[in-house]
Amino acid sequence: MAVYTVRLLRTAQEKLEQAGVLMERMQEQMQSTVSESQRFMERSSVLLQDVQTKLRALDRLFAAMDSAGEAAARVSRSIQAISKSVEDSVLEARKAVHSDQETVNDLTQPNHRRHEPVAPLAGE
């Protein structure tokens, strides 16, 4: 029985030593996992900051594009107004030229009658 007890104690001691080694390995793995998790969180934070910076830059780009679109619309409206003004001026010039041409034609026609002076009315 003493031999059995000694063997039992030796086996228990070996198992406890193996458990101790296993616990040390688990502790090392846990520390490694914690360290890796911290590095991952740091990298994620840097990546998130980079994404936020790029999103802010995109916001500024979209705002600039919106402003450019508004400016282009204003330029387009101005060009339309100028075009309308030029068109109106050309039409008025055509009318004036046509009217002047009619006057010239009236004056240069051979059978054009000149107005005779009107006789003064009695009492003048």
N, C-alpha and C. Protein backbone atom coordinates (compact mmCIF):
# COMPACT_ATOMS: atom_id res chain seq x y z
N MET A 1 0.82 -1.17 0.00
CA MET A 1 0.00 0.00 0.00
C MET A 1 0.87 1.25 0.00
N ALA A 2 1.99 1.19 0.68
CA ALA A 2 2.88 2.32 0.70
C ALA A 2 3.43 2.57 -0.70
N VAL A 3 3.71 1.51 -1.45
CA VAL A 3 4.22 1.64 -2.81
C VAL A 3 3.12 2.29 -3.68
N TYR A 4 1.93 1.80 -3.49
CA TYR A 4 0.80 2.35 -4.25
C TYR A 4 0.63 3.84 -3.93
N THR A 5 0.77 4.24 -2.69
CA THR A 5 0.63 5.62 -2.27
C THR A 5 1.76 6.45 -2.86
N VAL A 6 2.98 5.92 -2.89
CA VAL A 6 4.12 6.64 -3.44
C VAL A 6 3.91 6.86 -4.93
N ARG A 7 3.45 5.81 -5.62
CA ARG A 7 3.18 5.94 -7.06
C ARG A 7 2.08 6.96 -7.31
N LEU A 8 1.10 6.88 -6.48
CA LEU A 8 -0.02 7.82 -6.62
C LEU A 8 0.45 9.24 -6.39
N LEU A 9 1.29 9.46 -5.40
CA LEU A 9 1.82 10.79 -5.13
C LEU A 9 2.74 11.27 -6.26
N ARG A 10 3.56 10.36 -6.79
CA ARG A 10 4.44 10.73 -7.91
C ARG A 10 3.60 11.08 -9.15
N THR A 11 2.61 10.29 -9.44
CA THR A 11 1.75 10.55 -10.59
C THR A 11 1.02 11.88 -10.39
N ALA A 12 0.56 12.11 -9.17
CA ALA A 12 -0.12 13.37 -8.88
C ALA A 12 0.84 14.54 -9.04
N GLN A 13 2.10 14.35 -8.59
CA GLN A 13 3.10 15.41 -8.72
C GLN A 13 3.38 15.68 -10.18
N GLU A 14 3.53 14.63 -11.01
CA GLU A 14 3.77 14.81 -12.44
C GLU A 14 2.60 15.54 -13.10
N LYS A 15 1.41 15.14 -12.75
CA LYS A 15 0.22 15.77 -13.32
C LYS A 15 0.13 17.24 -12.90
N LEU A 16 0.49 17.52 -11.65
CA LEU A 16 0.48 18.91 -11.20
C LEU A 16 1.55 19.72 -11.92
N GLU A 17 2.74 19.12 -12.15
CA GLU A 17 3.80 19.81 -12.89
C GLU A 17 3.35 20.07 -14.32
N GLN A 18 2.71 19.07 -14.95
CA GLN A 18 2.20 19.23 -16.30
C GLN A 18 1.11 20.31 -16.33
N ALA A 19 0.27 20.31 -15.32
CA ALA A 19 -0.78 21.34 -15.24
C ALA A 19 -0.14 22.72 -15.07
N GLY A 20 0.94 22.80 -14.28
CA GLY A 20 1.63 24.07 -14.08
C GLY A 20 2.22 24.58 -15.40
N VAL A 21 2.88 23.65 -16.13
CA VAL A 21 3.46 24.02 -17.43
C VAL A 21 2.34 24.46 -18.38
N LEU A 22 1.25 23.70 -18.39
CA LEU A 22 0.12 24.03 -19.24
C LEU A 22 -0.47 25.40 -18.87
N MET A 23 -0.55 25.66 -17.59
CA MET A 23 -1.05 26.97 -17.11
C MET A 23 -0.11 28.10 -17.54
N GLU A 24 1.21 27.87 -17.48
CA GLU A 24 2.16 28.88 -17.91
C GLU A 24 2.01 29.16 -19.41
N ARG A 25 1.87 28.08 -20.21
CA ARG A 25 1.66 28.25 -21.65
C ARG A 25 0.37 29.02 -21.93
N MET A 26 -0.67 28.68 -21.22
CA MET A 26 -1.95 29.37 -21.40
C MET A 26 -1.81 30.85 -21.04
N GLN A 27 -1.06 31.12 -19.95
CA GLN A 27 -0.85 32.51 -19.54
C GLN A 27 -0.06 33.26 -20.62
N GLU A 28 0.98 32.62 -21.18
CA GLU A 28 1.76 33.24 -22.25
C GLU A 28 0.88 33.49 -23.47
N GLN A 29 0.04 32.52 -23.82
CA GLN A 29 -0.86 32.69 -24.96
C GLN A 29 -1.86 33.81 -24.71
N MET A 30 -2.35 33.89 -23.49
CA MET A 30 -3.29 34.96 -23.14
C MET A 30 -2.60 36.32 -23.25
N GLN A 31 -1.36 36.41 -22.74
CA GLN A 31 -0.62 37.67 -22.84
C GLN A 31 -0.36 38.02 -24.31
N SER A 32 -0.02 37.00 -25.10
CA SER A 32 0.20 37.22 -26.53
C SER A 32 -1.09 37.69 -27.20
N THR A 33 -2.21 37.06 -26.83
CA THR A 33 -3.50 37.44 -27.40
C THR A 33 -3.87 38.86 -27.00
N VAL A 34 -3.62 39.21 -25.74
CA VAL A 34 -3.91 40.57 -25.28
C VAL A 34 -3.04 41.57 -26.03
N SER A 35 -1.75 41.27 -26.18
CA SER A 35 -0.84 42.17 -26.91
C SER A 35 -1.28 42.32 -28.36
N GLU A 36 -1.63 41.21 -28.99
CA GLU A 36 -2.09 41.25 -30.38
C GLU A 36 -3.39 42.03 -30.49
N SER A 37 -4.27 41.87 -29.54
CA SER A 37 -5.53 42.62 -29.54
C SER A 37 -5.29 44.11 -29.39
N GLN A 38 -4.34 44.47 -28.53
CA GLN A 38 -4.00 45.89 -28.37
C GLN A 38 -3.43 46.47 -29.66
N ARG A 39 -2.53 45.72 -30.32
CA ARG A 39 -1.99 46.19 -31.60
C ARG A 39 -3.10 46.32 -32.64
N PHE A 40 -4.00 45.35 -32.66
CA PHE A 40 -5.12 45.41 -33.59
C PHE A 40 -5.99 46.64 -33.33
N MET A 41 -6.27 46.92 -32.07
CA MET A 41 -7.09 48.09 -31.72
C MET A 41 -6.37 49.38 -32.12
N GLU A 42 -5.07 49.45 -31.89
CA GLU A 42 -4.30 50.64 -32.28
C GLU A 42 -4.34 50.84 -33.80
N ARG A 43 -4.13 49.75 -34.55
CA ARG A 43 -4.18 49.84 -36.01
C ARG A 43 -5.58 50.23 -36.48
N SER A 44 -6.59 49.65 -35.84
CA SER A 44 -7.97 49.98 -36.19
C SER A 44 -8.25 51.46 -35.93
N SER A 45 -7.74 51.96 -34.84
CA SER A 45 -7.93 53.37 -34.50
C SER A 45 -7.27 54.27 -35.54
N VAL A 46 -6.04 53.92 -35.94
CA VAL A 46 -5.33 54.70 -36.97
C VAL A 46 -6.09 54.64 -38.29
N LEU A 47 -6.55 53.46 -38.64
CA LEU A 47 -7.32 53.28 -39.88
C LEU A 47 -8.61 54.09 -39.83
N LEU A 48 -9.30 54.05 -38.71
CA LEU A 48 -10.54 54.80 -38.55
C LEU A 48 -10.29 56.31 -38.67
N GLN A 49 -9.22 56.79 -38.07
CA GLN A 49 -8.87 58.21 -38.20
C GLN A 49 -8.57 58.57 -39.64
N ASP A 50 -7.86 57.68 -40.35
CA ASP A 50 -7.56 57.92 -41.76
C ASP A 50 -8.85 57.98 -42.59
N VAL A 51 -9.76 57.05 -42.32
CA VAL A 51 -11.05 57.05 -43.04
C VAL A 51 -11.82 58.33 -42.74
N GLN A 52 -11.84 58.75 -41.49
CA GLN A 52 -12.55 59.98 -41.13
C GLN A 52 -11.93 61.19 -41.83
N THR A 53 -10.61 61.24 -41.89
CA THR A 53 -9.93 62.35 -42.58
C THR A 53 -10.32 62.36 -44.05
N LYS A 54 -10.34 61.19 -44.67
CA LYS A 54 -10.69 61.11 -46.09
C LYS A 54 -12.15 61.46 -46.31
N LEU A 55 -13.01 61.08 -45.39
CA LEU A 55 -14.43 61.43 -45.52
C LEU A 55 -14.62 62.95 -45.41
N ARG A 56 -13.88 63.58 -44.50
CA ARG A 56 -13.96 65.05 -44.40
C ARG A 56 -13.48 65.70 -45.69
N ALA A 57 -12.42 65.15 -46.28
CA ALA A 57 -11.93 65.68 -47.55
C ALA A 57 -12.98 65.50 -48.64
N LEU A 58 -13.65 64.35 -48.64
CA LEU A 58 -14.72 64.13 -49.62
C LEU A 58 -15.88 65.10 -49.40
N ASP A 59 -16.20 65.37 -48.13
CA ASP A 59 -17.26 66.34 -47.84
C ASP A 59 -16.91 67.70 -48.44
N ARG A 60 -15.64 68.12 -48.27
CA ARG A 60 -15.21 69.39 -48.83
C ARG A 60 -15.27 69.36 -50.36
N LEU A 61 -14.89 68.22 -50.94
CA LEU A 61 -14.95 68.08 -52.40
C LEU A 61 -16.40 68.19 -52.89
N PHE A 62 -17.32 67.50 -52.21
CA PHE A 62 -18.72 67.56 -52.62
C PHE A 62 -19.28 68.97 -52.45
N ALA A 63 -18.88 69.65 -51.39
CA ALA A 63 -19.33 71.03 -51.19
C ALA A 63 -18.79 71.92 -52.30
N ALA A 64 -17.53 71.72 -52.69
CA ALA A 64 -16.95 72.50 -53.79
C ALA A 64 -17.66 72.20 -55.09
N MET A 65 -17.98 70.92 -55.32
CA MET A 65 -18.70 70.55 -56.54
C MET A 65 -20.09 71.18 -56.55
N ASP A 66 -20.73 71.22 -55.40
CA ASP A 66 -22.05 71.84 -55.30
C ASP A 66 -21.95 73.33 -55.61
N SER A 67 -20.94 73.98 -55.06
CA SER A 67 -20.72 75.41 -55.34
C SER A 67 -20.42 75.63 -56.82
N ALA A 68 -19.62 74.75 -57.39
CA ALA A 68 -19.30 74.87 -58.81
C ALA A 68 -20.56 74.69 -59.65
N GLY A 69 -21.43 73.78 -59.25
CA GLY A 69 -22.69 73.58 -59.96
C GLY A 69 -23.58 74.80 -59.89
N GLU A 70 -23.63 75.40 -58.71
CA GLU A 70 -24.43 76.62 -58.55
C GLU A 70 -23.84 77.75 -59.39
N ALA A 71 -22.52 77.87 -59.40
CA ALA A 71 -21.86 78.91 -60.21
C ALA A 71 -22.12 78.68 -61.69
N ALA A 72 -22.05 77.43 -62.12
CA ALA A 72 -22.32 77.11 -63.53
C ALA A 72 -23.76 77.46 -63.88
N ALA A 73 -24.69 77.20 -62.98
CA ALA A 73 -26.10 77.55 -63.23
C ALA A 73 -26.26 79.07 -63.35
N ARG A 74 -25.56 79.82 -62.48
CA ARG A 74 -25.63 81.28 -62.55
C ARG A 74 -25.04 81.78 -63.87
N VAL A 75 -23.91 81.22 -64.29
CA VAL A 75 -23.29 81.60 -65.55
C VAL A 75 -24.23 81.29 -66.70
N SER A 76 -24.86 80.12 -66.65
CA SER A 76 -25.80 79.73 -67.70
C SER A 76 -26.96 80.71 -67.78
N ARG A 77 -27.51 81.10 -66.62
CA ARG A 77 -28.61 82.07 -66.61
C ARG A 77 -28.14 83.42 -67.15
N SER A 78 -26.93 83.82 -66.81
CA SER A 78 -26.39 85.09 -67.32
C SER A 78 -26.22 85.03 -68.83
N ILE A 79 -25.70 83.91 -69.33
CA ILE A 79 -25.52 83.76 -70.77
C ILE A 79 -26.87 83.79 -71.48
N GLN A 80 -27.87 83.15 -70.88
CA GLN A 80 -29.21 83.18 -71.47
C GLN A 80 -29.75 84.61 -71.53
N ALA A 81 -29.54 85.36 -70.45
CA ALA A 81 -30.01 86.76 -70.42
C ALA A 81 -29.28 87.59 -71.46
N ILE A 82 -27.97 87.39 -71.58
CA ILE A 82 -27.19 88.14 -72.58
C ILE A 82 -27.65 87.76 -73.98
N SER A 83 -27.86 86.47 -74.20
CA SER A 83 -28.32 86.00 -75.51
C SER A 83 -29.68 86.61 -75.86
N LYS A 84 -30.58 86.64 -74.90
CA LYS A 84 -31.90 87.25 -75.12
C LYS A 84 -31.76 88.73 -75.45
N SER A 85 -30.89 89.42 -74.72
CA SER A 85 -30.67 90.84 -74.94
C SER A 85 -30.10 91.08 -76.34
N VAL A 86 -29.11 90.26 -76.74
CA VAL A 86 -28.52 90.40 -78.08
C VAL A 86 -29.58 90.10 -79.14
N GLU A 87 -30.37 89.07 -78.92
CA GLU A 87 -31.43 88.72 -79.88
C GLU A 87 -32.42 89.86 -80.02
N ASP A 88 -32.84 90.44 -78.89
CA ASP A 88 -33.76 91.57 -78.94
C ASP A 88 -33.14 92.75 -79.67
N SER A 89 -31.86 93.03 -79.41
CA SER A 89 -31.17 94.14 -80.08
C SER A 89 -31.09 93.90 -81.58
N VAL A 90 -30.79 92.67 -81.99
CA VAL A 90 -30.71 92.34 -83.42
C VAL A 90 -32.07 92.52 -84.07
N LEU A 91 -33.12 92.08 -83.40
CA LEU A 91 -34.47 92.24 -83.95
C LEU A 91 -34.82 93.71 -84.11
N GLU A 92 -34.49 94.51 -83.11
CA GLU A 92 -34.75 95.95 -83.19
C GLU A 92 -33.94 96.58 -84.32
N ALA A 93 -32.70 96.16 -84.48
CA ALA A 93 -31.86 96.68 -85.56
C ALA A 93 -32.43 96.30 -86.91
N ARG A 94 -32.91 95.06 -87.04
CA ARG A 94 -33.52 94.62 -88.30
C ARG A 94 -34.75 95.47 -88.63
N LYS A 95 -35.56 95.69 -87.59
CA LYS A 95 -36.76 96.51 -87.81
C LYS A 95 -36.37 97.91 -88.27
N ALA A 96 -35.36 98.48 -87.62
CA ALA A 96 -34.92 99.83 -87.97
C ALA A 96 -34.37 99.86 -89.39
N VAL A 97 -33.56 98.87 -89.76
CA VAL A 97 -32.99 98.79 -91.11
C VAL A 97 -34.12 98.62 -92.12
N HIS A 98 -35.06 97.75 -91.82
CA HIS A 98 -36.19 97.51 -92.72
C HIS A 98 -37.00 98.80 -92.90
N SER A 99 -37.24 99.49 -91.81
CA SER A 99 -37.98 100.75 -91.87
C SER A 99 -37.22 101.79 -92.69
N ASP A 100 -35.89 101.87 -92.46
CA ASP A 100 -35.07 102.81 -93.22
C ASP A 100 -35.05 102.41 -94.69
N GLN A 101 -35.00 101.13 -95.00
CA GLN A 101 -35.00 100.65 -96.38
C GLN A 101 -36.31 101.03 -97.07
N GLU A 102 -37.42 100.89 -96.34
CA GLU A 102 -38.71 101.28 -96.91
C GLU A 102 -38.72 102.78 -97.20
N THR A 103 -38.16 103.54 -96.31
CA THR A 103 -38.10 104.99 -96.51
C THR A 103 -37.24 105.31 -97.73
N VAL A 104 -36.10 104.67 -97.86
CA VAL A 104 -35.23 104.89 -99.02
C VAL A 104 -35.94 104.47 -100.28
N ASN A 105 -36.62 103.34 -100.25
CA ASN A 105 -37.36 102.88 -101.43
C ASN A 105 -38.45 103.87 -101.80
N ASP A 106 -39.15 104.37 -100.80
CA ASP A 106 -40.21 105.34 -101.06
C ASP A 106 -39.63 106.59 -101.71
N LEU A 107 -38.48 107.03 -101.26
CA LEU A 107 -37.88 108.25 -101.78
C LEU A 107 -37.25 108.06 -103.16
N THR A 108 -36.83 106.87 -103.48
CA THR A 108 -36.12 106.64 -104.75
C THR A 108 -37.01 106.09 -105.85
N GLN A 109 -38.24 105.82 -105.58
CA GLN A 109 -39.12 105.29 -106.62
C GLN A 109 -39.41 106.41 -107.61
N PRO A 110 -39.37 106.11 -108.95
CA PRO A 110 -39.57 107.15 -109.96
C PRO A 110 -40.98 107.72 -109.95
N ASN A 111 -41.96 107.00 -109.66
CA ASN A 111 -43.32 107.55 -109.67
C ASN A 111 -43.74 107.97 -108.28
N HIS A 112 -42.79 108.31 -107.48
CA HIS A 112 -43.08 108.81 -106.14
C HIS A 112 -43.60 110.24 -106.24
N ARG A 113 -44.71 110.48 -105.67
CA ARG A 113 -45.29 111.83 -105.71
C ARG A 113 -44.80 112.60 -104.52
N ARG A 114 -44.34 113.78 -104.83
CA ARG A 114 -43.95 114.66 -103.74
C ARG A 114 -45.21 115.34 -103.27
N HIS A 115 -45.26 115.56 -102.05
CA HIS A 115 -46.44 116.24 -101.49
C HIS A 115 -46.40 117.69 -101.91
N GLU A 116 -47.50 118.09 -102.44
CA GLU A 116 -47.66 119.50 -102.80
C GLU A 116 -47.91 120.29 -101.53
N PRO A 117 -47.39 121.50 -101.49
CA PRO A 117 -47.67 122.29 -100.30
C PRO A 117 -49.16 122.55 -100.22
N VAL A 118 -49.61 122.51 -99.05
CA VAL A 118 -51.04 122.75 -98.82
C VAL A 118 -51.28 124.26 -98.86
N ALA A 119 -52.35 124.60 -99.57
CA ALA A 119 -52.68 126.03 -99.67
C ALA A 119 -53.10 126.55 -98.34
N PRO A 120 -52.67 127.74 -98.00
CA PRO A 120 -53.05 128.28 -96.71
C PRO A 120 -54.55 128.47 -96.62
N LEU A 121 -55.03 128.30 -95.50
CA LEU A 121 -56.46 128.47 -95.26
C LEU A 121 -56.80 129.94 -95.24
N ALA A 122 -58.02 130.22 -95.54
CA ALA A 122 -58.45 131.61 -95.55
C ALA A 122 -58.27 132.20 -94.18
N GLY A 123 -57.75 133.34 -94.12
CA GLY A 123 -57.58 134.05 -92.88
C GLY A 123 -56.18 133.90 -92.33
N GLU A 124 -55.35 133.21 -93.04
CA GLU A 124 -53.99 133.09 -92.55
C GLU A 124 -53.12 134.09 -93.19
